[in-house]
Every structure is written in structure tokens, then in C-alpha cells.
Amino acid sequence: MKKDNIDTLFEQLENEFDIQMPNSGHQNRFLEKLKQQPIIVDSKKEKLSYWKPFFAIAASIVLCLSIFTVMQQQEPEIKDLASVSPELSRTQDFFTLAIQSELATLEAERTPETEELINDALKQLQILEADYENLKKDLTTSGDDKRVVYAMISNFQNRIDVLEHVLQNIEEVKEFNAHASHQNTL
């Protein structure tokens, strides 16, 4: 269909085409005229080309500053007692080992009779752990405030107290069961 339209168009314009050859030297005259015309340079492009190196330097500076700013905005490493002083590092190690030891003893005492006591103690320890994590954040933001340090040590002591209290309750349950089984046998 398109070919038919093109053929029809050429048939209609057949005698109207300029098919005469240009005079000899036409190309040379045309080139001479082009050479004689002043070269028009786009002043905007010319001005922009002078500024390109400055734009590149400015872009590099902006990029470096933005990277530096992003790096500065990252949260600082969260501190704990060990980061405050060597003495507090030893204190933290002592409490951590004591808590681990008490937890191991607690797990060894797990029986169907003590299951509920142990699970409740573990829930209380989780709450105290969450509080300790918040205290670590407070220590980081406060700049080693002594009140926060004391609260962290108190948190460790509270965890040990919870574990010791549960172990005492387990001993009482064991004594009660032993006493009850002794009375049943009489």
C-alpha cells in the first residue's frame, strides 16, 4: 500500500524535478562562501567550556563533604562497663561469669516441679538484659556518667539476686517434696 502511494507521488511530480547539472565550479564557489562567513561560536558553550574544570572540582568537593558527613552521622559504638576502665572491665567479667555459673546451676535443677520457677526467672533476666542494653546506650551518650555505671553494676547484682532467689526457692521445693515423700512412706 505504501509503495503504491510513493509511486503515485513520483508519477505526479515526474516533470517537476530539477535535473539540470549545476555550473562547473559550483562546489568550489560554495566552499569559498562558507570560508568567508565569520565563524559563529555559541557564547554559552564557550563560557561553559571554561567553567567545566571548576564544576568538576566543585562536584568532587561536594561529594567528599557528603561522604564525610554521612560517616560522621553513623552511630558511635555502644559502650559497656569494660570500655570505661580496666577495673570495671574486671567487674563486668566477674559478674558475667557469676551469672553464667548461676544459670548453669539453675538449668541443672530443671525438673517438672521447678519448670515454672525457672521460666519465670528467665523472663525476669530477659527484662534485666533489656534494661542493661538501654543502660549501655545511656553510657555511650552520657560520656561515662558515674550514675549510669552504678546503674549497670546494680543491674548485674539484680540478675544475680534473681538467680540466687530462684535457686533458694528450688531448694525449698526439693526439701518440701523430700519431706512430703518421707511422710507418705511413714
C-alpha atoms as a PDB file:
ATOM      1  CA  MET A   1       0.000   0.000   0.000  1.00  0.00           C
ATOM      2  CA  LYS A   2       2.764   2.465   0.891  1.00  0.00           C
ATOM      3  CA  LYS A   3       4.683   1.582  -2.230  1.00  0.00           C
ATOM      4  CA  ASP A   4       1.662   2.485  -4.306  1.00  0.00           C
ATOM      5  CA  ASN A   5       1.444   5.881  -2.594  1.00  0.00           C
ATOM      6  CA  ILE A   6       5.106   6.613  -3.261  1.00  0.00           C
ATOM      7  CA  ASP A   7       4.823   5.514  -6.879  1.00  0.00           C
ATOM      8  CA  THR A   8       1.774   7.712  -7.318  1.00  0.00           C
ATOM      9  CA  LEU A   9       3.580  10.680  -5.800  1.00  0.00           C
ATOM     10  CA  PHE A  10       6.573  10.284  -8.125  1.00  0.00           C
ATOM     11  CA  GLU A  11       4.319   9.937 -11.122  1.00  0.00           C
ATOM     12  CA  GLN A  12       2.601  13.183 -10.240  1.00  0.00           C
ATOM     13  CA  LEU A  13       5.895  15.056  -9.743  1.00  0.00           C
ATOM     14  CA  GLU A  14       7.684  13.457 -12.695  1.00  0.00           C
ATOM     15  CA  ASN A  15       8.137  16.577 -14.824  1.00  0.00           C
ATOM     16  CA  GLU A  16       8.706  18.965 -11.933  1.00  0.00           C
ATOM     17  CA  PHE A  17      12.128  17.736 -10.736  1.00  0.00           C
ATOM     18  CA  ASP A  18      15.148  19.981 -11.322  1.00  0.00           C
ATOM     19  CA  ILE A  19      17.529  17.625 -13.043  1.00  0.00           C
ATOM     20  CA  GLN A  20      19.871  20.212 -14.536  1.00  0.00           C
ATOM     21  CA  MET A  21      23.531  19.981 -13.637  1.00  0.00           C
ATOM     22  CA  PRO A  22      24.962  22.964 -11.744  1.00  0.00           C
ATOM     23  CA  ASN A  23      27.538  25.149 -13.473  1.00  0.00           C
ATOM     24  CA  SER A  24      31.114  23.992 -13.330  1.00  0.00           C
ATOM     25  CA  GLY A  25      32.950  25.108 -10.192  1.00  0.00           C
ATOM     26  CA  HIS A  26      29.727  25.269  -8.206  1.00  0.00           C
ATOM     27  CA  GLN A  27      31.202  23.248  -5.371  1.00  0.00           C
ATOM     28  CA  ASN A  28      34.317  25.450  -5.162  1.00  0.00           C
ATOM     29  CA  ARG A  29      32.247  28.648  -5.096  1.00  0.00           C
ATOM     30  CA  PHE A  30      30.067  27.187  -2.362  1.00  0.00           C
ATOM     31  CA  LEU A  31      33.082  26.264  -0.245  1.00  0.00           C
ATOM     32  CA  GLU A  32      34.599  29.742  -0.723  1.00  0.00           C
ATOM     33  CA  LYS A  33      31.423  31.375   0.500  1.00  0.00           C
ATOM     34  CA  LEU A  34      31.476  29.177   3.574  1.00  0.00           C
ATOM     35  CA  LYS A  35      35.063  30.154   4.327  1.00  0.00           C
ATOM     36  CA  GLN A  36      34.270  33.863   4.029  1.00  0.00           C
ATOM     37  CA  GLN A  37      31.463  33.780   6.564  1.00  0.00           C
ATOM     38  CA  PRO A  38      32.527  34.536  10.111  1.00  0.00           C
ATOM     39  CA  ILE A  39      32.528  31.557  12.448  1.00  0.00           C
ATOM     40  CA  ILE A  40      29.734  31.959  14.937  1.00  0.00           C
ATOM     41  CA  VAL A  41      30.536  30.346  18.237  1.00  0.00           C
ATOM     42  CA  ASP A  42      27.831  29.783  20.748  1.00  0.00           C
ATOM     43  CA  SER A  43      28.966  32.029  23.594  1.00  0.00           C
ATOM     44  CA  LYS A  44      27.109  29.913  26.127  1.00  0.00           C
ATOM     45  CA  LYS A  45      29.040  26.810  25.096  1.00  0.00           C
ATOM     46  CA  GLU A  46      32.311  28.724  25.110  1.00  0.00           C
ATOM     47  CA  LYS A  47      31.688  30.099  28.596  1.00  0.00           C
ATOM     48  CA  LEU A  48      30.576  26.682  29.814  1.00  0.00           C
ATOM     49  CA  SER A  49      33.728  25.036  28.485  1.00  0.00           C
ATOM     50  CA  TYR A  50      35.858  27.392  30.605  1.00  0.00           C
ATOM     51  CA  TRP A  51      33.851  26.514  33.683  1.00  0.00           C
ATOM     52  CA  LYS A  52      33.898  22.738  33.221  1.00  0.00           C
ATOM     53  CA  PRO A  53      37.070  22.173  35.280  1.00  0.00           C
ATOM     54  CA  PHE A  54      35.716  24.319  38.097  1.00  0.00           C
ATOM     55  CA  PHE A  55      32.414  22.431  38.064  1.00  0.00           C
ATOM     56  CA  ALA A  56      34.309  19.139  38.217  1.00  0.00           C
ATOM     57  CA  ILE A  57      36.352  20.331  41.201  1.00  0.00           C
ATOM     58  CA  ALA A  58      33.247  21.681  42.950  1.00  0.00           C
ATOM     59  CA  ALA A  59      31.411  18.402  42.357  1.00  0.00           C
ATOM     60  CA  SER A  60      34.355  16.478  43.821  1.00  0.00           C
ATOM     61  CA  ILE A  61      34.387  18.672  46.910  1.00  0.00           C
ATOM     62  CA  VAL A  62      30.641  18.299  47.399  1.00  0.00           C
ATOM     63  CA  LEU A  63      30.946  14.524  47.044  1.00  0.00           C
ATOM     64  CA  CYS A  64      33.789  14.361  49.592  1.00  0.00           C
ATOM     65  CA  LEU A  65      31.897  16.534  52.067  1.00  0.00           C
ATOM     66  CA  SER A  66      28.732  14.448  51.762  1.00  0.00           C
ATOM     67  CA  ILE A  67      30.664  11.220  52.338  1.00  0.00           C
ATOM     68  CA  PHE A  68      32.393  12.771  55.361  1.00  0.00           C
ATOM     69  CA  THR A  69      29.043  13.963  56.742  1.00  0.00           C
ATOM     70  CA  VAL A  70      27.442  10.543  56.325  1.00  0.00           C
ATOM     71  CA  MET A  71      30.376   8.904  58.070  1.00  0.00           C
ATOM     72  CA  GLN A  72      30.109  11.350  60.963  1.00  0.00           C
ATOM     73  CA  GLN A  73      26.381  10.684  61.357  1.00  0.00           C
ATOM     74  CA  GLN A  74      26.843   6.967  61.903  1.00  0.00           C
ATOM     75  CA  GLU A  75      26.065   5.931  65.435  1.00  0.00           C
ATOM     76  CA  PRO A  76      29.076   5.551  67.668  1.00  0.00           C
ATOM     77  CA  GLU A  77      29.976   2.149  69.027  1.00  0.00           C
ATOM     78  CA  ILE A  78      27.880   1.339  72.072  1.00  0.00           C
ATOM     79  CA  LYS A  79      29.943   1.214  75.265  1.00  0.00           C
ATOM     80  CA  ASP A  80      29.759  -1.183  78.166  1.00  0.00           C
ATOM     81  CA  LEU A  81      31.478  -1.284  81.545  1.00  0.00           C
ATOM     82  CA  ALA A  82      34.639  -2.757  80.050  1.00  0.00           C
ATOM     83  CA  SER A  83      35.124   0.322  77.887  1.00  0.00           C
ATOM     84  CA  VAL A  84      35.137   2.711  80.859  1.00  0.00           C
ATOM     85  CA  SER A  85      38.132   1.433  82.817  1.00  0.00           C
ATOM     86  CA  PRO A  86      40.184  -1.730  83.443  1.00  0.00           C
ATOM     87  CA  GLU A  87      38.667  -2.104  86.934  1.00  0.00           C
ATOM     88  CA  LEU A  88      35.156  -2.001  85.535  1.00  0.00           C
ATOM     89  CA  SER A  89      36.202  -4.448  82.842  1.00  0.00           C
ATOM     90  CA  ARG A  90      37.200  -6.921  85.567  1.00  0.00           C
ATOM     91  CA  THR A  91      33.938  -6.189  87.395  1.00  0.00           C
ATOM     92  CA  GLN A  92      31.942  -6.901  84.248  1.00  0.00           C
ATOM     93  CA  ASP A  93      33.872 -10.143  83.693  1.00  0.00           C
ATOM     94  CA  PHE A  94      33.242 -11.201  87.304  1.00  0.00           C
ATOM     95  CA  PHE A  95      29.501 -10.571  87.069  1.00  0.00           C
ATOM     96  CA  THR A  96      29.239 -12.224  83.676  1.00  0.00           C
ATOM     97  CA  LEU A  97      30.975 -15.378  84.912  1.00  0.00           C
ATOM     98  CA  ALA A  98      28.899 -15.422  88.100  1.00  0.00           C
ATOM     99  CA  ILE A  99      25.662 -15.100  86.107  1.00  0.00           C
ATOM    100  CA  GLN A 100      26.717 -17.834  83.690  1.00  0.00           C
ATOM    101  CA  SER A 101      27.586 -20.109  86.608  1.00  0.00           C
ATOM    102  CA  GLU A 102      24.242 -19.449  88.314  1.00  0.00           C
ATOM    103  CA  LEU A 103      22.397 -20.064  85.046  1.00  0.00           C
ATOM    104  CA  ALA A 104      24.173 -23.395  84.606  1.00  0.00           C
ATOM    105  CA  THR A 105      23.217 -24.382  88.170  1.00  0.00           C
ATOM    106  CA  LEU A 106      19.658 -23.278  87.519  1.00  0.00           C
ATOM    107  CA  GLU A 107      19.408 -25.370  84.335  1.00  0.00           C
ATOM    108  CA  ALA A 108      20.787 -28.379  86.208  1.00  0.00           C
ATOM    109  CA  GLU A 109      17.933 -28.043  88.700  1.00  0.00           C
ATOM    110  CA  ARG A 110      15.240 -28.094  85.991  1.00  0.00           C
ATOM    111  CA  THR A 111      12.530 -30.632  86.811  1.00  0.00           C
ATOM    112  CA  PRO A 112       8.786 -30.660  86.186  1.00  0.00           C
ATOM    113  CA  GLU A 113       8.274 -29.233  89.698  1.00  0.00           C
ATOM    114  CA  THR A 114      10.720 -26.377  89.154  1.00  0.00           C
ATOM    115  CA  GLU A 115       9.938 -25.653  85.488  1.00  0.00           C
ATOM    116  CA  GLU A 116       7.631 -22.722  86.214  1.00  0.00           C
ATOM    117  CA  LEU A 117      10.048 -21.113  88.686  1.00  0.00           C
ATOM    118  CA  ILE A 118      12.912 -21.359  86.210  1.00  0.00           C
ATOM    119  CA  ASN A 119      10.886 -19.978  83.295  1.00  0.00           C
ATOM    120  CA  ASP A 120       9.752 -17.016  85.404  1.00  0.00           C
ATOM    121  CA  ALA A 121      13.337 -16.320  86.429  1.00  0.00           C
ATOM    122  CA  LEU A 122      14.472 -16.425  82.806  1.00  0.00           C
ATOM    123  CA  LYS A 123      11.761 -13.922  81.881  1.00  0.00           C
ATOM    124  CA  GLN A 124      12.930 -11.594  84.650  1.00  0.00           C
ATOM    125  CA  LEU A 125      16.506 -11.956  83.399  1.00  0.00           C
ATOM    126  CA  GLN A 126      15.394 -11.016  79.878  1.00  0.00           C
ATOM    127  CA  ILE A 127      13.805  -7.848  81.254  1.00  0.00           C
ATOM    128  CA  LEU A 128      17.003  -7.017  83.137  1.00  0.00           C
ATOM    129  CA  GLU A 129      19.065  -7.720  79.975  1.00  0.00           C
ATOM    130  CA  ALA A 130      16.881  -5.295  78.007  1.00  0.00           C
ATOM    131  CA  ASP A 131      17.374  -2.695  80.748  1.00  0.00           C
ATOM    132  CA  TYR A 132      21.130  -3.276  80.580  1.00  0.00           C
ATOM    133  CA  GLU A 133      21.128  -2.697  76.808  1.00  0.00           C
ATOM    134  CA  ASN A 134      19.382   0.638  77.394  1.00  0.00           C
ATOM    135  CA  LEU A 135      21.954   1.485  80.055  1.00  0.00           C
ATOM    136  CA  LYS A 136      24.741   0.764  77.566  1.00  0.00           C
ATOM    137  CA  LYS A 137      23.181   3.280  75.175  1.00  0.00           C
ATOM    138  CA  ASP A 138      22.872   5.778  78.024  1.00  0.00           C
ATOM    139  CA  LEU A 139      26.527   5.247  78.904  1.00  0.00           C
ATOM    140  CA  THR A 140      27.502   5.954  75.301  1.00  0.00           C
ATOM    141  CA  THR A 141      25.511   9.179  75.132  1.00  0.00           C
ATOM    142  CA  SER A 142      26.312  10.391  78.650  1.00  0.00           C
ATOM    143  CA  GLY A 143      30.066  10.135  78.314  1.00  0.00           C
ATOM    144  CA  ASP A 144      30.757   7.613  81.098  1.00  0.00           C
ATOM    145  CA  ASP A 145      28.406   9.176  83.652  1.00  0.00           C
ATOM    146  CA  LYS A 146      29.016   7.533  87.054  1.00  0.00           C
ATOM    147  CA  ARG A 147      25.295   7.251  87.741  1.00  0.00           C
ATOM    148  CA  VAL A 148      24.912   5.104  84.638  1.00  0.00           C
ATOM    149  CA  VAL A 149      27.917   2.994  85.670  1.00  0.00           C
ATOM    150  CA  TYR A 150      26.345   2.414  89.111  1.00  0.00           C
ATOM    151  CA  ALA A 151      23.038   1.506  87.476  1.00  0.00           C
ATOM    152  CA  MET A 152      24.830  -1.032  85.263  1.00  0.00           C
ATOM    153  CA  ILE A 153      26.551  -2.630  88.264  1.00  0.00           C
ATOM    154  CA  SER A 154      23.221  -2.655  90.105  1.00  0.00           C
ATOM    155  CA  ASN A 155      21.656  -4.388  87.098  1.00  0.00           C
ATOM    156  CA  PHE A 156      24.270  -7.149  87.296  1.00  0.00           C
ATOM    157  CA  GLN A 157      23.641  -7.517  91.039  1.00  0.00           C
ATOM    158  CA  ASN A 158      19.883  -7.700  90.443  1.00  0.00           C
ATOM    159  CA  ARG A 159      20.362 -10.514  87.945  1.00  0.00           C
ATOM    160  CA  ILE A 160      22.483 -12.477  90.403  1.00  0.00           C
ATOM    161  CA  ASP A 161      19.922 -11.814  93.150  1.00  0.00           C
ATOM    162  CA  VAL A 162      17.118 -13.151  90.936  1.00  0.00           C
ATOM    163  CA  LEU A 163      19.105 -16.302  90.186  1.00  0.00           C
ATOM    164  CA  GLU A 164      20.051 -16.865  93.829  1.00  0.00           C
ATOM    165  CA  HIS A 165      16.461 -16.312  94.944  1.00  0.00           C
ATOM    166  CA  VAL A 166      15.160 -18.837  92.432  1.00  0.00           C
ATOM    167  CA  LEU A 167      17.813 -21.358  93.475  1.00  0.00           C
ATOM    168  CA  GLN A 168      16.717 -20.884  97.114  1.00  0.00           C
ATOM    169  CA  ASN A 169      13.094 -21.455  96.083  1.00  0.00           C
ATOM    170  CA  ILE A 170      14.105 -24.595  94.204  1.00  0.00           C
ATOM    171  CA  GLU A 171      15.895 -25.890  97.314  1.00  0.00           C
ATOM    172  CA  GLU A 172      12.739 -25.226  99.356  1.00  0.00           C
ATOM    173  CA  VAL A 173      10.646 -27.095  96.771  1.00  0.00           C
ATOM    174  CA  LYS A 174      13.083 -30.008  96.879  1.00  0.00           C
ATOM    175  CA  GLU A 175      13.003 -30.071 100.711  1.00  0.00           C
ATOM    176  CA  PHE A 176       9.224 -29.872 100.698  1.00  0.00           C
ATOM    177  CA  ASN A 177       8.998 -32.760  98.221  1.00  0.00           C
ATOM    178  CA  ALA A 178      11.524 -34.787 100.204  1.00  0.00           C
ATOM    179  CA  HIS A 179       9.634 -34.087 103.454  1.00  0.00           C
ATOM    180  CA  ALA A 180       6.286 -34.930 101.800  1.00  0.00           C
ATOM    181  CA  SER A 181       7.596 -38.190 100.335  1.00  0.00           C
ATOM    182  CA  HIS A 182       9.130 -39.054 103.725  1.00  0.00           C
ATOM    183  CA  GLN A 183       5.735 -38.545 105.447  1.00  0.00           C
ATOM    184  CA  ASN A 184       3.987 -40.598 102.760  1.00  0.00           C
ATOM    185  CA  THR A 185       6.293 -43.545 103.440  1.00  0.00           C
ATOM    186  CA  LEU A 186       5.560 -43.488 107.197  1.00  0.00           C
END
